[in-house]
């Protein structure tokens, strides 16, 4: 028999669980993007790398805001802005 506290935590609609998944997913995406660039599997200005950083940053902004970690929220917000600028520049050059 599950404890009520554990049962609530494992509920897929639990906001804390969803926010924690955002945090873990964002962290893994940042690390995976960095690993791909380090292994020369993609370029630092590629759509793949910048897209991964954009999604990771958005997830981590959400996560760090929920924790009240505003310095880290600021860092991730800048990371998102850099990704958006780079992707926007690539889009403008293509068109």
C-alpha atoms as a PDB file:
ATOM      1  CA  UNK A   1       0.000   0.000   0.000  1.00  0.00           C
ATOM      2  CA  UNK A   2       1.332   3.423  -0.965  1.00  0.00           C
ATOM      3  CA  UNK A   3       1.733   6.239   1.476  1.00  0.00           C
ATOM      4  CA  UNK A   4      -0.627   9.158   0.687  1.00  0.00           C
ATOM      5  CA  UNK A   5       2.328  11.564   0.404  1.00  0.00           C
ATOM      6  CA  UNK A   6       4.053   9.247  -2.076  1.00  0.00           C
ATOM      7  CA  UNK A   7       0.827   8.698  -3.975  1.00  0.00           C
ATOM      8  CA  UNK A   8       0.377  12.477  -4.413  1.00  0.00           C
ATOM      9  CA  UNK A   9       3.993  12.872  -5.533  1.00  0.00           C
ATOM     10  CA  UNK A  10       3.652  10.175  -8.198  1.00  0.00           C
ATOM     11  CA  UNK A  11       0.386  11.587  -9.534  1.00  0.00           C
ATOM     12  CA  UNK A  12       1.174  12.682 -13.136  1.00  0.00           C
ATOM     13  CA  UNK A  13      -0.862  15.861 -12.626  1.00  0.00           C
ATOM     14  CA  UNK A  14       1.185  16.915  -9.587  1.00  0.00           C
ATOM     15  CA  UNK A  15       2.563  20.395 -10.438  1.00  0.00           C
ATOM     16  CA  UNK A  16       5.788  19.762  -8.480  1.00  0.00           C
ATOM     17  CA  UNK A  17       6.446  16.594 -10.461  1.00  0.00           C
ATOM     18  CA  UNK A  18       5.854  18.425 -13.750  1.00  0.00           C
ATOM     19  CA  UNK A  19       8.179  21.285 -12.737  1.00  0.00           C
ATOM     20  CA  UNK A  20      10.866  18.792 -11.642  1.00  0.00           C
ATOM     21  CA  UNK A  21      10.584  17.028 -15.007  1.00  0.00           C
ATOM     22  CA  UNK A  22      11.058  20.429 -16.702  1.00  0.00           C
ATOM     23  CA  UNK A  23      14.221  20.965 -14.646  1.00  0.00           C
ATOM     24  CA  UNK A  24      15.702  17.566 -15.404  1.00  0.00           C
ATOM     25  CA  UNK A  25      14.779  17.698 -19.087  1.00  0.00           C
ATOM     26  CA  UNK A  26      16.253  21.179 -19.492  1.00  0.00           C
ATOM     27  CA  UNK A  27      19.476  20.168 -17.765  1.00  0.00           C
ATOM     28  CA  UNK A  28      19.845  17.045 -19.895  1.00  0.00           C
ATOM     29  CA  UNK A  29      19.198  19.038 -23.085  1.00  0.00           C
ATOM     30  CA  UNK A  30      21.885  21.608 -22.169  1.00  0.00           C
ATOM     31  CA  UNK A  31      24.387  18.834 -21.510  1.00  0.00           C
ATOM     32  CA  UNK A  32      23.461  16.922 -24.658  1.00  0.00           C
ATOM     33  CA  UNK A  33      23.779  20.061 -26.801  1.00  0.00           C
ATOM     34  CA  UNK A  34      27.194  20.802 -25.289  1.00  0.00           C
ATOM     35  CA  UNK A  35      28.312  17.207 -25.818  1.00  0.00           C
ATOM     36  CA  UNK A  36      27.275  17.329 -29.487  1.00  0.00           C
ATOM     37  CA  UNK A  37      29.297  20.504 -30.086  1.00  0.00           C
ATOM     38  CA  UNK A  38      32.283  19.147 -28.148  1.00  0.00           C
ATOM     39  CA  UNK A  39      32.208  15.909 -30.165  1.00  0.00           C
ATOM     40  CA  UNK A  40      32.002  17.984 -33.386  1.00  0.00           C
ATOM     41  CA  UNK A  41      28.659  16.393 -34.292  1.00  0.00           C
ATOM     42  CA  UNK A  42      27.106  19.837 -34.773  1.00  0.00           C
ATOM     43  CA  UNK A  43      28.229  23.466 -34.934  1.00  0.00           C
ATOM     44  CA  UNK A  44      27.687  26.053 -32.225  1.00  0.00           C
ATOM     45  CA  UNK A  45      25.526  28.175 -34.507  1.00  0.00           C
ATOM     46  CA  UNK A  46      23.514  25.272 -35.938  1.00  0.00           C
ATOM     47  CA  UNK A  47      19.737  25.183 -35.712  1.00  0.00           C
ATOM     48  CA  UNK A  48      20.019  21.890 -33.799  1.00  0.00           C
ATOM     49  CA  UNK A  49      22.309  23.304 -31.115  1.00  0.00           C
ATOM     50  CA  UNK A  50      20.482  26.611 -30.787  1.00  0.00           C
ATOM     51  CA  UNK A  51      17.089  24.888 -30.794  1.00  0.00           C
ATOM     52  CA  UNK A  52      18.163  22.523 -28.043  1.00  0.00           C
ATOM     53  CA  UNK A  53      19.457  25.470 -26.012  1.00  0.00           C
ATOM     54  CA  UNK A  54      16.243  27.398 -26.600  1.00  0.00           C
ATOM     55  CA  UNK A  55      14.018  24.558 -25.378  1.00  0.00           C
ATOM     56  CA  UNK A  56      16.355  23.769 -22.463  1.00  0.00           C
ATOM     57  CA  UNK A  57      16.465  27.420 -21.458  1.00  0.00           C
ATOM     58  CA  UNK A  58      12.686  27.808 -21.504  1.00  0.00           C
ATOM     59  CA  UNK A  59      12.277  24.675 -19.385  1.00  0.00           C
ATOM     60  CA  UNK A  60      14.910  25.845 -16.919  1.00  0.00           C
ATOM     61  CA  UNK A  61      13.486  29.371 -16.686  1.00  0.00           C
ATOM     62  CA  UNK A  62      10.179  27.791 -15.683  1.00  0.00           C
ATOM     63  CA  UNK A  63      11.910  25.486 -13.195  1.00  0.00           C
ATOM     64  CA  UNK A  64      14.120  28.138 -11.577  1.00  0.00           C
ATOM     65  CA  UNK A  65      11.247  30.645 -11.342  1.00  0.00           C
ATOM     66  CA  UNK A  66       9.245  28.057  -9.428  1.00  0.00           C
ATOM     67  CA  UNK A  67      12.154  27.693  -7.006  1.00  0.00           C
ATOM     68  CA  UNK A  68      12.629  31.441  -6.616  1.00  0.00           C
ATOM     69  CA  UNK A  69      16.210  31.101  -7.902  1.00  0.00           C
ATOM     70  CA  UNK A  70      16.187  34.458  -9.677  1.00  0.00           C
ATOM     71  CA  UNK A  71      19.906  34.655 -10.490  1.00  0.00           C
ATOM     72  CA  UNK A  72      19.691  31.332 -12.297  1.00  0.00           C
ATOM     73  CA  UNK A  73      16.451  32.443 -13.949  1.00  0.00           C
ATOM     74  CA  UNK A  74      18.315  35.492 -15.257  1.00  0.00           C
ATOM     75  CA  UNK A  75      21.150  33.362 -16.603  1.00  0.00           C
ATOM     76  CA  UNK A  76      18.771  31.013 -18.395  1.00  0.00           C
ATOM     77  CA  UNK A  77      16.764  33.955 -19.757  1.00  0.00           C
ATOM     78  CA  UNK A  78      19.919  35.359 -21.339  1.00  0.00           C
ATOM     79  CA  UNK A  79      20.669  31.883 -22.732  1.00  0.00           C
ATOM     80  CA  UNK A  80      17.189  31.843 -24.318  1.00  0.00           C
ATOM     81  CA  UNK A  81      17.711  35.351 -25.732  1.00  0.00           C
ATOM     82  CA  UNK A  82      21.048  34.356 -27.296  1.00  0.00           C
ATOM     83  CA  UNK A  83      19.431  31.294 -28.877  1.00  0.00           C
ATOM     84  CA  UNK A  84      16.548  33.385 -30.223  1.00  0.00           C
ATOM     85  CA  UNK A  85      18.918  35.983 -31.664  1.00  0.00           C
ATOM     86  CA  UNK A  86      21.079  33.336 -33.318  1.00  0.00           C
ATOM     87  CA  UNK A  87      18.083  31.486 -34.763  1.00  0.00           C
ATOM     88  CA  UNK A  88      16.534  34.756 -35.912  1.00  0.00           C
ATOM     89  CA  UNK A  89      19.760  35.768 -37.626  1.00  0.00           C
ATOM     90  CA  UNK A  90      19.959  32.398 -39.397  1.00  0.00           C
ATOM     91  CA  UNK A  91      16.307  32.740 -40.503  1.00  0.00           C
ATOM     92  CA  UNK A  92      16.882  36.264 -41.848  1.00  0.00           C
ATOM     93  CA  UNK A  93      19.980  35.177 -43.777  1.00  0.00           C
ATOM     94  CA  UNK A  94      18.046  32.281 -45.380  1.00  0.00           C
ATOM     95  CA  UNK A  95      15.203  34.527 -46.463  1.00  0.00           C
END
